[in-house]
Amino acid sequence: MAGEQWNGWLQRCRESRSLVLVIVAIALLLDNMLLTTVVPIIPEFLYDMRHPNATLSEHLEGSKHQPLTTQTLTATTTALPGCHCPSNNSNSKALELIVSTATSVETSTANQTAVKIKEDKQMHQELIEETVAVGVMFASKAFVQLLANPIVGPLTHKIGYSIPMFTGFLIMFLSTLIFAFGRSYGILFLARALQGIGSSCSSVSGMGMLAERYQDDKERGNAMGIALGGLALGVLIGPPFGGIMYEFVGKSAPFLILSALALGDGLLQLLVLPPTIVYTEAEPPTLKSLVTDPYIILAAGAITFANMGIAMLEPSLPIWMMDTMNASRWKQGATFLPASISYLIGTNLFGPLGHKMGRWLAALIGLVVIGICLMCIPLARSIDHLIIPNAGLGFAIGMVDSSMMPELGYLVDIRHTAVYGSVYAIGDVAFCLGYAIGPALSGTLVNTIGFEWMLFGIAILNFIYAPFMYFLKSPPTKEEKKSLIVGEKSSVRYVSYENDEEDQ
């Protein structure tokens, strides 16, 4: 009897759409926590690894202490014996002592200042060079994910979503452990690249699973908004979690906690979504037909441009803050908090709102706001000045992502066959392109044109791309597409018939 009740409860769990949504949201949460936890850790860890005798935190701490001034030492020397003696001879000797002491101190201070300026210039140059190495490491995850997506997408058509989903968990768990114990650039690079394969499995399978379970367009938009909220929460928690744990506990601690959370998610997946092969009855659309669909490419392009700016900021903003603001570890992590909080709000708000106002319009406004916020970031002179532009940036990216992700599923429904693995592979490729191109180029661009012009450039690209969203206002359906093709063929035949008559 108890066994029957258990089996009945388990069956209800496996049929529950809400529980599937929770599992997908948790998977995206942990994946993006790992993605962003390294942001405040890796730049300083690599710098300290290369400069074991002069760590970055010691340098920043030393820069807070000002050297003693000549006036301070002159005031101190007035307390020397002989300064307040009544005789002129004693006063003269005391004055000579003060002048010689002040002169020697002034010379020493000038030498210290010159050395300090030289050290600051050297650190500035090393930090700029560090941006390149950090950018390449951060981009490796996205590049690997980019290569894996075209394989994972069609694979889900053949074996279903549960096996790739569980494979994604296993790979992410392994990657997290490597991050915890890695002590060299090469090992950390491997962990970041390996995460790309796990992310591809989780993202493509998770979004495809939601699109399959939520067939109604409005419900699908709401569900994907919630799932992207899990992604946003991971982005929100990651940087401050990584910065604080690294500052007060150590490098391994945040990754060991993440691996324990991933293990819990894996057990939940085994319970609710046991890895089994599920064959698709409908004929899935080919990857080629989806890639050559201009409306799908437009929606995917919006995701790429929207995320490229924040992807460029991840490796470069913490280093720029070290260089211009002497920002500590926790400040480097906390600076991404406004963007993450507002992204969480934006995704949950524009899941349902995007359906009402038109997803094309939400994406258009989002791209314009992203461009404005990116241009405001280099104007900041303290961490407080970064709050509003970062918050606006996160909210606008949430507008674009939560509008275009369900739009991809909608486009497949009306223009192709309702099988979603490949289209969400394209959506994830678009996301990865932003996170691959952004970090990979950011180091080189900061080195050549500077941090400010780099952000101005990507802002202009967002402004240029925004008007193209109008074409997604009312895309033609499958029937309209077929009639258009038939009409074009008839026109070609008619022209060919006229030409034949003229020849005769």
Protein backbone atom coordinates (compact mmCIF):
# COMPACT_ATOMS: atom_id res chain seq x y z
CA MET A 1 0.00 0.00 0.00
CA ALA A 2 2.77 2.38 1.00
CA GLY A 3 4.64 1.42 -2.16
CA GLU A 4 1.62 2.26 -4.31
CA GLN A 5 1.23 5.65 -2.59
CA TRP A 6 4.93 6.37 -3.13
CA ASN A 7 4.70 5.41 -6.82
CA GLY A 8 1.57 7.53 -7.26
CA TRP A 9 3.23 10.54 -5.59
CA LEU A 10 6.37 10.06 -7.69
CA GLN A 11 4.30 9.86 -10.86
CA ARG A 12 2.47 13.09 -9.99
CA CYS A 13 5.84 14.80 -9.39
CA ARG A 14 7.14 13.66 -12.78
CA GLU A 15 4.03 14.96 -14.52
CA SER A 16 4.11 18.32 -12.72
CA ARG A 17 5.07 21.22 -15.01
CA SER A 18 5.79 23.43 -12.00
CA LEU A 19 8.36 21.01 -10.58
CA VAL A 20 10.10 20.80 -13.96
CA LEU A 21 10.19 24.61 -14.01
CA VAL A 22 11.77 24.62 -10.53
CA ILE A 23 14.47 22.13 -11.62
CA VAL A 24 15.31 24.14 -14.75
CA ALA A 25 15.43 27.40 -12.73
CA ILE A 26 17.77 25.81 -10.13
CA ALA A 27 20.04 24.41 -12.87
CA LEU A 28 20.30 27.88 -14.47
CA LEU A 29 20.81 29.45 -11.03
CA LEU A 30 23.79 27.23 -10.15
CA ASP A 31 25.30 27.44 -13.63
CA ASN A 32 25.27 31.23 -13.53
CA MET A 33 26.41 31.37 -9.93
CA LEU A 34 29.51 29.46 -11.03
CA LEU A 35 29.77 31.70 -14.10
CA THR A 36 29.87 34.91 -12.02
CA THR A 37 31.41 33.75 -8.72
CA VAL A 38 34.81 33.75 -10.45
CA VAL A 39 34.45 37.40 -11.59
CA PRO A 40 35.89 39.04 -8.44
CA ILE A 41 38.18 36.07 -7.63
CA ILE A 42 40.13 35.21 -10.78
CA PRO A 43 41.69 38.64 -11.65
CA GLU A 44 43.20 39.13 -8.18
CA PHE A 45 44.06 35.44 -7.74
CA LEU A 46 46.05 35.42 -10.99
CA TYR A 47 47.79 38.71 -10.11
CA ASP A 48 48.73 37.42 -6.64
CA MET A 49 49.92 34.12 -8.14
CA ARG A 50 52.31 36.04 -10.44
CA HIS A 51 53.40 38.47 -7.70
CA PRO A 52 53.65 36.34 -4.52
CA ASN A 53 55.86 38.93 -2.74
CA ALA A 54 53.66 41.94 -3.58
CA THR A 55 50.00 40.96 -3.67
CA LEU A 56 47.40 43.31 -5.07
CA SER A 57 45.57 43.72 -1.75
CA GLU A 58 48.85 44.81 -0.07
CA HIS A 59 49.46 47.33 -2.85
CA LEU A 60 45.94 48.76 -2.59
CA GLU A 61 46.18 48.88 1.20
CA GLY A 62 49.54 50.67 0.98
CA SER A 63 48.14 53.27 -1.41
CA LYS A 64 45.66 54.35 1.26
CA HIS A 65 48.45 55.52 3.59
CA GLN A 66 49.85 58.94 2.71
CA PRO A 67 53.57 59.65 3.32
CA LEU A 68 54.52 61.99 6.15
CA THR A 69 54.74 65.64 5.07
CA THR A 70 57.61 68.03 5.68
CA GLN A 71 55.33 70.22 7.80
CA THR A 72 54.52 67.30 10.09
CA LEU A 73 58.18 66.52 10.63
CA THR A 74 59.05 70.20 11.10
CA ALA A 75 56.40 70.41 13.78
CA THR A 76 57.83 67.30 15.36
CA THR A 77 61.36 68.68 15.40
CA THR A 78 60.21 71.69 17.42
CA ALA A 79 59.98 69.28 20.31
CA LEU A 80 63.67 68.40 19.96
CA PRO A 81 65.97 69.44 22.82
CA GLY A 82 67.33 72.95 22.29
CA CYS A 83 64.33 74.38 20.42
CA HIS A 84 63.10 76.32 23.40
CA CYS A 85 66.45 77.22 25.00
CA PRO A 86 66.86 80.89 25.94
CA SER A 87 70.28 81.47 24.34
CA ASN A 88 70.64 82.67 20.71
CA ASN A 89 73.37 80.11 20.09
CA SER A 90 71.07 77.27 21.10
CA ASN A 91 68.26 78.67 18.99
CA SER A 92 70.59 78.89 15.98
CA LYS A 93 71.68 75.28 16.42
CA ALA A 94 68.07 74.16 16.79
CA LEU A 95 67.11 76.04 13.63
CA GLU A 96 69.96 74.42 11.69
CA LEU A 97 68.83 71.03 13.00
CA ILE A 98 65.23 71.69 11.87
CA VAL A 99 66.31 72.86 8.40
CA SER A 100 68.66 69.93 7.83
CA THR A 101 66.08 67.43 9.11
CA ALA A 102 63.35 68.97 6.96
CA THR A 103 65.63 68.95 3.89
CA SER A 104 66.56 65.30 4.35
CA VAL A 105 62.93 64.33 4.96
CA GLU A 106 61.82 66.30 1.89
CA THR A 107 64.41 64.51 -0.23
CA SER A 108 63.37 61.15 1.20
CA THR A 109 59.67 61.93 0.62
CA ALA A 110 60.36 62.98 -2.98
CA ASN A 111 62.24 59.72 -3.58
CA GLN A 112 59.41 57.70 -2.02
CA THR A 113 56.85 59.55 -4.17
CA ALA A 114 58.86 58.91 -7.33
CA VAL A 115 59.14 55.20 -6.47
CA LYS A 116 55.41 55.09 -5.68
CA ILE A 117 54.50 56.71 -9.03
CA LYS A 118 56.76 54.25 -10.85
CA GLU A 119 55.15 51.31 -9.00
CA ASP A 120 51.65 52.62 -9.78
CA LYS A 121 52.48 52.97 -13.49
CA GLN A 122 53.92 49.47 -13.54
CA MET A 123 50.85 48.05 -11.76
CA HIS A 124 48.56 49.97 -14.15
CA GLN A 125 50.30 48.38 -17.15
CA GLU A 126 50.24 44.91 -15.56
CA LEU A 127 46.52 45.23 -14.79
CA ILE A 128 45.79 46.16 -18.43
CA GLU A 129 47.78 43.12 -19.59
CA GLU A 130 45.96 41.02 -16.96
CA THR A 131 42.65 42.02 -18.60
CA VAL A 132 43.67 40.13 -21.76
CA ALA A 133 44.45 36.88 -19.89
CA VAL A 134 41.31 37.11 -17.75
CA GLY A 135 39.17 37.96 -20.79
CA VAL A 136 40.41 34.92 -22.72
CA MET A 137 39.71 32.65 -19.75
CA PHE A 138 36.21 34.03 -19.25
CA ALA A 139 35.49 33.73 -22.98
CA SER A 140 36.63 30.08 -23.15
CA LYS A 141 33.40 28.88 -21.51
CA ALA A 142 31.26 30.66 -24.07
CA PHE A 143 33.38 29.47 -27.02
CA VAL A 144 33.15 25.82 -25.92
CA GLN A 145 29.41 26.21 -25.28
CA LEU A 146 29.12 27.73 -28.74
CA LEU A 147 30.67 24.61 -30.29
CA ALA A 148 28.62 22.20 -28.17
CA ASN A 149 25.18 23.75 -28.82
CA PRO A 150 24.78 22.60 -32.47
CA ILE A 151 25.49 19.05 -31.25
CA VAL A 152 23.27 19.11 -28.13
CA GLY A 153 20.26 20.69 -29.91
CA PRO A 154 19.70 17.99 -32.57
CA LEU A 155 20.67 15.30 -30.01
CA THR A 156 17.65 16.22 -27.86
CA HIS A 157 15.41 15.42 -30.86
CA LYS A 158 16.76 11.86 -30.87
CA ILE A 159 17.04 10.99 -27.15
CA GLY A 160 14.88 13.58 -25.35
CA TYR A 161 15.82 16.23 -22.81
CA SER A 162 16.42 14.33 -19.55
CA ILE A 163 19.76 12.65 -20.42
CA PRO A 164 21.47 15.86 -21.67
CA MET A 165 20.05 17.68 -18.61
CA PHE A 166 21.61 15.19 -16.19
CA THR A 167 24.87 15.15 -18.17
CA GLY A 168 25.00 18.93 -17.74
CA PHE A 169 24.76 18.50 -13.96
CA LEU A 170 27.62 15.95 -13.87
CA ILE A 171 29.93 18.18 -15.93
CA MET A 172 29.13 21.28 -13.88
CA PHE A 173 29.82 19.39 -10.65
CA LEU A 174 33.23 18.32 -11.97
CA SER A 175 34.04 21.83 -13.20
CA THR A 176 33.20 23.31 -9.78
CA LEU A 177 35.57 20.92 -8.01
CA ILE A 178 38.38 21.78 -10.45
CA PHE A 179 37.81 25.50 -9.73
CA ALA A 180 38.00 24.76 -5.99
CA PHE A 181 41.41 23.06 -6.10
CA GLY A 182 43.02 24.56 -9.25
CA ARG A 183 46.14 26.61 -8.58
CA SER A 184 47.36 27.51 -12.07
CA TYR A 185 46.07 29.46 -15.05
CA GLY A 186 45.93 26.32 -17.22
CA ILE A 187 43.86 24.29 -14.73
CA LEU A 188 41.42 27.18 -14.15
CA PHE A 189 41.16 27.66 -17.92
CA LEU A 190 40.25 23.96 -18.25
CA ALA A 191 37.57 24.27 -15.56
CA ARG A 192 36.04 27.30 -17.28
CA ALA A 193 36.05 25.60 -20.70
CA LEU A 194 34.57 22.39 -19.26
CA GLN A 195 31.75 24.42 -17.74
CA GLY A 196 30.79 25.42 -21.29
CA ILE A 197 29.82 21.83 -22.19
CA GLY A 198 27.74 21.47 -19.01
CA SER A 199 26.03 24.81 -19.61
CA SER A 200 25.14 23.82 -23.16
CA CYS A 201 23.46 20.62 -21.97
CA SER A 202 21.57 22.37 -19.15
CA SER A 203 20.45 25.48 -21.08
CA VAL A 204 19.34 23.81 -24.32
CA SER A 205 17.60 20.90 -22.55
CA GLY A 206 16.02 23.13 -19.91
CA MET A 207 14.55 25.69 -22.31
CA GLY A 208 13.43 22.98 -24.76
CA MET A 209 11.74 21.11 -21.92
CA LEU A 210 9.84 24.23 -20.82
CA ALA A 211 8.77 25.05 -24.39
CA GLU A 212 7.46 21.48 -24.75
CA ARG A 213 5.59 21.45 -21.42
CA TYR A 214 4.11 24.96 -21.80
CA GLN A 215 2.42 24.97 -25.22
CA ASP A 216 0.37 28.17 -24.68
CA ASP A 217 2.42 31.20 -25.81
CA LYS A 218 1.48 33.35 -22.81
CA GLU A 219 2.14 30.57 -20.25
CA ARG A 220 5.43 29.80 -21.99
CA GLY A 221 6.53 33.43 -21.70
CA ASN A 222 5.70 33.44 -17.97
CA ALA A 223 7.54 30.13 -17.39
CA MET A 224 10.64 31.25 -19.26
CA GLY A 225 10.57 34.56 -17.37
CA ILE A 226 10.69 32.59 -14.10
CA ALA A 227 13.47 30.30 -15.41
CA LEU A 228 15.48 33.33 -16.51
CA GLY A 229 14.81 34.70 -13.03
CA GLY A 230 16.81 31.72 -11.74
CA LEU A 231 19.57 32.69 -14.16
CA ALA A 232 19.33 36.29 -12.90
CA LEU A 233 19.47 35.17 -9.28
CA GLY A 234 22.67 33.24 -10.05
CA VAL A 235 24.17 36.33 -11.66
CA LEU A 236 22.96 38.37 -8.66
CA ILE A 237 24.39 36.14 -5.94
CA GLY A 238 27.60 35.06 -7.74
CA PRO A 239 29.88 38.14 -7.64
CA PRO A 240 29.24 39.26 -4.01
CA PHE A 241 29.23 35.62 -2.86
CA GLY A 242 32.58 34.98 -4.56
CA GLY A 243 34.13 38.29 -3.42
CA ILE A 244 33.10 37.94 0.24
CA MET A 245 34.02 34.24 0.53
CA TYR A 246 37.42 34.85 -1.14
CA GLU A 247 38.11 37.84 1.13
CA PHE A 248 37.24 36.19 4.45
CA VAL A 249 37.42 32.39 3.94
CA GLY A 250 39.57 31.54 0.91
CA LYS A 251 39.46 30.68 -2.77
CA SER A 252 38.18 27.09 -2.44
CA ALA A 253 35.24 27.83 -0.12
CA PRO A 254 32.71 29.32 -2.61
CA PHE A 255 33.31 26.51 -5.12
CA LEU A 256 32.92 23.75 -2.51
CA ILE A 257 29.58 25.26 -1.43
CA LEU A 258 28.47 25.43 -5.09
CA SER A 259 29.45 21.79 -5.66
CA ALA A 260 27.33 20.73 -2.66
CA LEU A 261 24.33 22.68 -4.04
CA ALA A 262 24.86 21.12 -7.48
CA LEU A 263 24.83 17.67 -5.90
CA GLY A 264 21.43 18.42 -4.35
CA ASP A 265 20.07 19.55 -7.73
CA GLY A 266 21.39 16.35 -9.32
CA LEU A 267 19.54 14.19 -6.77
CA LEU A 268 16.33 16.15 -7.46
CA GLN A 269 16.78 15.57 -11.19
CA LEU A 270 17.21 11.81 -10.60
CA LEU A 271 13.95 11.79 -8.64
CA VAL A 272 11.75 13.87 -10.96
CA LEU A 273 13.49 13.61 -14.36
CA PRO A 274 15.24 10.24 -14.44
CA PRO A 275 17.55 9.97 -17.46
CA THR A 276 15.59 8.02 -20.09
CA ILE A 277 15.55 8.02 -23.89
CA VAL A 278 12.41 9.63 -25.34
CA TYR A 279 11.84 9.54 -29.10
CA THR A 280 10.19 12.49 -30.87
CA GLU A 281 7.25 11.52 -33.09
CA ALA A 282 7.07 14.80 -35.06
CA GLU A 283 9.67 15.48 -37.73
CA PRO A 284 11.96 18.11 -36.18
CA PRO A 285 13.03 21.14 -38.20
CA THR A 286 16.57 20.93 -39.52
CA LEU A 287 19.22 23.16 -38.04
CA LYS A 288 19.83 24.60 -41.50
CA SER A 289 16.18 25.65 -41.94
CA LEU A 290 16.24 27.41 -38.56
CA VAL A 291 19.58 29.14 -39.14
CA THR A 292 18.41 30.44 -42.53
CA ASP A 293 15.14 31.79 -41.07
CA PRO A 294 15.71 35.60 -40.95
CA TYR A 295 13.21 36.12 -38.11
CA ILE A 296 14.93 33.58 -35.85
CA ILE A 297 18.29 35.18 -36.64
CA LEU A 298 16.90 38.64 -35.78
CA ALA A 299 15.64 37.43 -32.40
CA ALA A 300 18.92 35.62 -31.69
CA GLY A 301 20.94 38.69 -32.71
CA ALA A 302 19.08 40.82 -30.15
CA ILE A 303 20.16 38.37 -27.41
CA THR A 304 23.79 38.57 -28.60
CA PHE A 305 24.02 42.37 -28.68
CA ALA A 306 22.12 42.78 -25.41
CA ASN A 307 24.54 40.53 -23.49
CA MET A 308 27.79 41.59 -25.17
CA GLY A 309 28.10 44.78 -23.10
CA ILE A 310 27.81 43.10 -19.70
CA ALA A 311 30.12 40.32 -20.94
CA MET A 312 32.76 42.96 -21.77
CA LEU A 313 32.35 44.47 -18.31
CA GLU A 314 32.88 41.20 -16.41
CA PRO A 315 36.66 40.94 -16.93
CA SER A 316 37.39 44.65 -17.45
CA LEU A 317 35.25 46.50 -14.87
CA PRO A 318 36.86 44.96 -11.73
CA ILE A 319 40.34 45.74 -13.10
CA TRP A 320 39.26 49.26 -14.15
CA MET A 321 37.93 49.78 -10.61
CA MET A 322 41.22 48.59 -9.10
CA ASP A 323 43.07 50.98 -11.36
CA THR A 324 40.91 54.10 -10.99
CA MET A 325 39.22 53.66 -7.59
CA ASN A 326 41.59 51.35 -5.65
CA ALA A 327 38.50 49.14 -5.15
CA SER A 328 38.78 46.19 -2.76
CA ARG A 329 37.57 42.65 -3.49
CA TRP A 330 34.11 43.02 -1.99
CA LYS A 331 33.51 46.28 -3.88
CA GLN A 332 34.46 44.61 -7.17
CA GLY A 333 31.89 41.89 -6.47
CA ALA A 334 29.22 44.28 -5.15
CA THR A 335 29.37 46.53 -8.22
CA PHE A 336 27.44 43.90 -10.23
CA LEU A 337 24.65 43.71 -7.61
CA PRO A 338 22.45 46.50 -9.07
CA ALA A 339 22.62 44.90 -12.54
CA SER A 340 21.72 41.48 -11.16
CA ILE A 341 18.81 42.71 -9.01
CA SER A 342 17.31 44.73 -11.85
CA TYR A 343 17.82 41.80 -14.30
CA LEU A 344 15.83 39.62 -11.90
CA ILE A 345 13.05 42.23 -11.84
CA GLY A 346 13.18 42.78 -15.61
CA THR A 347 12.92 39.08 -16.55
CA ASN A 348 9.96 38.42 -14.23
CA LEU A 349 8.21 41.64 -15.26
CA PHE A 350 8.63 41.32 -19.03
CA GLY A 351 7.81 37.59 -19.23
CA PRO A 352 4.07 38.43 -19.12
CA LEU A 353 4.37 42.15 -20.04
CA GLY A 354 6.32 41.44 -23.23
CA HIS A 355 3.39 39.32 -24.48
CA LYS A 356 0.97 42.21 -23.86
CA MET A 357 2.95 45.12 -25.28
CA GLY A 358 4.66 43.17 -28.06
CA ARG A 359 7.95 41.39 -27.57
CA TRP A 360 9.51 43.24 -30.49
CA LEU A 361 8.84 46.60 -28.76
CA ALA A 362 10.19 45.40 -25.39
CA ALA A 363 13.41 44.25 -27.10
CA LEU A 364 13.74 47.51 -29.08
CA ILE A 365 13.41 49.67 -25.93
CA GLY A 366 15.77 47.34 -24.06
CA LEU A 367 18.54 47.67 -26.65
CA VAL A 368 18.31 51.49 -26.59
CA VAL A 369 18.46 51.59 -22.76
CA ILE A 370 21.47 49.21 -22.79
CA GLY A 371 23.35 51.60 -25.11
CA ILE A 372 22.63 54.61 -22.88
CA CYS A 373 23.73 52.80 -19.68
CA LEU A 374 26.97 51.53 -21.26
CA MET A 375 27.91 55.10 -22.21
CA CYS A 376 27.31 56.27 -18.61
CA ILE A 377 29.55 53.67 -16.89
CA PRO A 378 32.97 55.18 -17.81
CA LEU A 379 31.83 58.54 -16.39
CA ALA A 380 31.74 57.06 -12.86
CA ARG A 381 34.34 58.29 -10.37
CA SER A 382 33.28 56.13 -7.40
CA ILE A 383 31.39 52.89 -6.81
CA ASP A 384 28.25 54.94 -5.98
CA HIS A 385 28.23 56.41 -9.50
CA LEU A 386 28.02 52.88 -10.97
CA ILE A 387 24.74 51.96 -9.24
CA ILE A 388 22.24 53.64 -11.61
CA PRO A 389 23.87 52.71 -14.97
CA ASN A 390 24.44 49.11 -13.81
CA ALA A 391 20.85 48.84 -12.59
CA GLY A 392 19.53 50.21 -15.89
CA LEU A 393 21.79 47.83 -17.81
CA GLY A 394 20.53 44.75 -15.95
CA PHE A 395 16.87 45.75 -16.28
CA ALA A 396 17.20 46.36 -20.03
CA ILE A 397 19.01 43.04 -20.63
CA GLY A 398 16.17 41.35 -18.73
CA MET A 399 13.70 43.03 -21.10
CA VAL A 400 15.48 41.64 -24.15
CA ASP A 401 16.17 38.11 -22.84
CA SER A 402 12.68 37.49 -21.41
CA SER A 403 11.11 38.75 -24.64
CA MET A 404 13.30 36.99 -27.20
CA MET A 405 13.60 33.55 -25.53
CA PRO A 406 9.84 32.80 -25.74
CA GLU A 407 9.78 34.55 -29.14
CA LEU A 408 12.12 31.84 -30.47
CA GLY A 409 9.66 29.15 -29.41
CA TYR A 410 6.77 31.12 -30.92
CA LEU A 411 8.62 31.48 -34.24
CA VAL A 412 9.20 27.71 -34.39
CA ASP A 413 5.50 27.11 -33.65
CA ILE A 414 4.22 29.36 -36.45
CA ARG A 415 6.95 28.87 -39.07
CA HIS A 416 8.35 25.33 -38.49
CA THR A 417 7.54 22.19 -36.46
CA ALA A 418 6.93 22.43 -32.67
CA VAL A 419 10.18 20.67 -31.67
CA TYR A 420 12.39 23.02 -29.69
CA GLY A 421 15.87 21.59 -29.05
CA SER A 422 17.55 23.12 -32.09
CA VAL A 423 15.96 26.57 -31.81
CA TYR A 424 17.07 26.89 -28.18
CA ALA A 425 20.50 25.69 -29.24
CA ILE A 426 20.50 28.71 -31.57
CA GLY A 427 19.24 30.93 -28.73
CA ASP A 428 22.01 29.65 -26.47
CA VAL A 429 24.54 30.15 -29.27
CA ALA A 430 23.37 33.76 -29.49
CA PHE A 431 23.80 34.16 -25.72
CA CYS A 432 27.23 32.53 -25.89
CA LEU A 433 28.35 34.70 -28.80
CA GLY A 434 27.87 37.75 -26.60
CA TYR A 435 29.79 36.13 -23.75
CA ALA A 436 32.52 34.82 -26.08
CA ILE A 437 33.14 37.92 -28.20
CA GLY A 438 32.76 40.32 -25.26
CA PRO A 439 35.45 39.00 -22.87
CA ALA A 440 37.76 37.90 -25.71
CA LEU A 441 37.79 41.38 -27.25
CA SER A 442 37.60 43.43 -24.05
CA GLY A 443 41.25 42.95 -23.07
CA THR A 444 42.54 43.85 -26.52
CA LEU A 445 40.16 46.82 -26.86
CA VAL A 446 41.04 48.19 -23.39
CA ASN A 447 44.70 47.91 -24.37
CA THR A 448 44.29 49.69 -27.73
CA ILE A 449 41.40 52.19 -27.50
CA GLY A 450 40.74 52.28 -23.74
CA PHE A 451 37.91 51.22 -21.44
CA GLU A 452 35.70 54.23 -22.29
CA TRP A 453 35.79 53.88 -26.09
CA MET A 454 35.24 50.14 -25.85
CA LEU A 455 31.89 50.71 -24.09
CA PHE A 456 30.95 53.59 -26.42
CA GLY A 457 31.50 51.26 -29.39
CA ILE A 458 29.23 48.46 -28.14
CA ALA A 459 26.62 51.08 -27.15
CA ILE A 460 26.52 52.37 -30.74
CA LEU A 461 26.06 48.79 -32.03
CA ASN A 462 23.02 48.40 -29.75
CA PHE A 463 21.55 51.67 -31.07
CA ILE A 464 22.02 50.51 -34.67
CA TYR A 465 20.48 47.05 -34.11
CA ALA A 466 17.41 48.23 -32.13
CA PRO A 467 15.24 49.37 -35.14
CA PHE A 468 15.50 45.88 -36.72
CA MET A 469 13.21 44.58 -33.93
CA TYR A 470 10.27 46.13 -35.83
CA PHE A 471 10.44 43.23 -38.32
CA LEU A 472 9.39 40.85 -35.49
CA LYS A 473 6.10 42.72 -35.01
CA SER A 474 4.09 40.32 -37.21
CA PRO A 475 6.28 37.59 -38.76
CA PRO A 476 4.60 35.49 -41.48
CA THR A 477 3.29 32.06 -40.44
CA LYS A 478 4.14 28.70 -42.04
CA GLU A 479 1.11 28.93 -44.37
CA GLU A 480 1.95 32.51 -45.39
CA LYS A 481 5.55 31.47 -45.96
CA LYS A 482 4.43 28.56 -48.18
CA SER A 483 2.02 30.74 -50.17
CA LEU A 484 4.80 33.30 -50.63
CA ILE A 485 7.16 30.61 -51.94
CA VAL A 486 4.42 29.18 -54.22
CA GLY A 487 3.69 32.70 -55.49
CA GLU A 488 7.38 33.28 -56.23
CA LYS A 489 7.61 29.94 -58.08
CA SER A 490 4.46 30.75 -60.10
CA SER A 491 5.92 34.13 -60.95
CA VAL A 492 9.15 32.48 -62.09
CA ARG A 493 7.19 30.00 -64.23
CA TYR A 494 5.10 32.83 -65.71
CA VAL A 495 8.19 34.84 -66.62
CA SER A 496 9.78 31.71 -68.09
CA TYR A 497 6.61 31.03 -70.16
CA GLU A 498 6.63 34.62 -71.52
CA ASN A 499 10.30 34.29 -72.47
CA ASP A 500 9.60 31.03 -74.33
CA GLU A 501 6.75 32.70 -76.31
CA GLU A 502 9.04 35.59 -77.26
CA ASP A 503 11.71 33.16 -78.48
CA GLN A 504 9.14 31.38 -80.66
